[in-house]
Amino acid sequence: MRTGEKHWQSSLEKTIFGVNYHRFLELESDANHMEIAQELGISLGEVKMLKKKLDRA
């Protein structure tokens, strides 16, 4: 089964969207969505998806 590039990369690095969870959690405590997106180089939609995934876990 062939997977997308981001999915393949995340399985290798144990991250989602190429973002380290620990770094995301550090930023989440004292930054807004826009600042997190700029810092990690991801879109606002991806930031929201990460927050949803963390809330579910």
C-alpha atoms as a PDB file:
ATOM      1  CA  MET A   1       0.000   0.000   0.000  1.00  0.00           C
ATOM      2  CA  ARG A   2       1.400   3.354  -0.997  1.00  0.00           C
ATOM      3  CA  THR A   3       1.095   6.255   1.413  1.00  0.00           C
ATOM      4  CA  GLY A   4       1.452  10.003   1.022  1.00  0.00           C
ATOM      5  CA  GLU A   5       4.724  11.772   1.629  1.00  0.00           C
ATOM      6  CA  LYS A   6       3.685  13.344   4.941  1.00  0.00           C
ATOM      7  CA  HIS A   7       2.296  10.034   6.205  1.00  0.00           C
ATOM      8  CA  TRP A   8       5.494   8.219   5.212  1.00  0.00           C
ATOM      9  CA  GLN A   9       7.659  10.871   6.869  1.00  0.00           C
ATOM     10  CA  SER A  10       5.582  10.856  10.044  1.00  0.00           C
ATOM     11  CA  SER A  11       5.854   7.090  10.363  1.00  0.00           C
ATOM     12  CA  LEU A  12       9.621   7.343  10.096  1.00  0.00           C
ATOM     13  CA  GLU A  13      10.002  10.242  12.523  1.00  0.00           C
ATOM     14  CA  LYS A  14       7.033   9.490  14.821  1.00  0.00           C
ATOM     15  CA  THR A  15       5.567  12.923  14.189  1.00  0.00           C
ATOM     16  CA  ILE A  16       2.477  14.331  12.497  1.00  0.00           C
ATOM     17  CA  PHE A  17       2.951  16.927   9.751  1.00  0.00           C
ATOM     18  CA  GLY A  18       6.666  16.782  10.510  1.00  0.00           C
ATOM     19  CA  VAL A  19       6.083  18.460  13.886  1.00  0.00           C
ATOM     20  CA  ASN A  20       7.665  17.271  17.103  1.00  0.00           C
ATOM     21  CA  TYR A  21       4.920  16.833  19.739  1.00  0.00           C
ATOM     22  CA  HIS A  22       7.064  18.135  22.583  1.00  0.00           C
ATOM     23  CA  ARG A  23       7.878  21.322  20.682  1.00  0.00           C
ATOM     24  CA  PHE A  24       4.198  21.757  19.795  1.00  0.00           C
ATOM     25  CA  LEU A  25       3.160  21.403  23.444  1.00  0.00           C
ATOM     26  CA  GLU A  26       5.762  23.953  24.533  1.00  0.00           C
ATOM     27  CA  LEU A  27       4.486  26.481  22.005  1.00  0.00           C
ATOM     28  CA  GLU A  28       0.819  25.745  22.694  1.00  0.00           C
ATOM     29  CA  SER A  29       1.061  26.895  26.290  1.00  0.00           C
ATOM     30  CA  ASP A  30       2.163  30.454  25.471  1.00  0.00           C
ATOM     31  CA  ALA A  31       1.467  31.152  21.762  1.00  0.00           C
ATOM     32  CA  ASN A  32      -1.595  31.581  19.564  1.00  0.00           C
ATOM     33  CA  HIS A  33      -2.365  29.481  16.475  1.00  0.00           C
ATOM     34  CA  MET A  34      -0.728  31.899  14.058  1.00  0.00           C
ATOM     35  CA  GLU A  35       2.527  32.018  16.012  1.00  0.00           C
ATOM     36  CA  ILE A  36       2.626  28.219  16.278  1.00  0.00           C
ATOM     37  CA  ALA A  37       2.047  27.848  12.531  1.00  0.00           C
ATOM     38  CA  GLN A  38       4.823  30.313  11.713  1.00  0.00           C
ATOM     39  CA  GLU A  39       7.264  28.764  14.170  1.00  0.00           C
ATOM     40  CA  LEU A  40       6.719  25.192  12.962  1.00  0.00           C
ATOM     41  CA  GLY A  41       6.242  25.995   9.273  1.00  0.00           C
ATOM     42  CA  ILE A  42       2.766  24.481   8.991  1.00  0.00           C
ATOM     43  CA  SER A  43      -0.653  25.871   8.069  1.00  0.00           C
ATOM     44  CA  LEU A  44      -3.314  27.083  10.501  1.00  0.00           C
ATOM     45  CA  GLY A  45      -5.486  24.120   9.532  1.00  0.00           C
ATOM     46  CA  GLU A  46      -2.714  21.714  10.480  1.00  0.00           C
ATOM     47  CA  VAL A  47      -2.329  23.451  13.855  1.00  0.00           C
ATOM     48  CA  LYS A  48      -6.049  23.000  14.513  1.00  0.00           C
ATOM     49  CA  MET A  49      -5.865  19.334  13.463  1.00  0.00           C
ATOM     50  CA  LEU A  50      -2.941  18.737  15.820  1.00  0.00           C
ATOM     51  CA  LYS A  51      -4.849  20.321  18.702  1.00  0.00           C
ATOM     52  CA  LYS A  52      -7.847  18.068  17.972  1.00  0.00           C
ATOM     53  CA  LYS A  53      -5.630  14.986  17.868  1.00  0.00           C
ATOM     54  CA  LEU A  54      -4.035  15.906  21.187  1.00  0.00           C
ATOM     55  CA  ASP A  55      -7.440  16.497  22.802  1.00  0.00           C
ATOM     56  CA  ARG A  56      -8.574  13.040  21.708  1.00  0.00           C
ATOM     57  CA  ALA A  57      -5.502  11.286  23.055  1.00  0.00           C
END
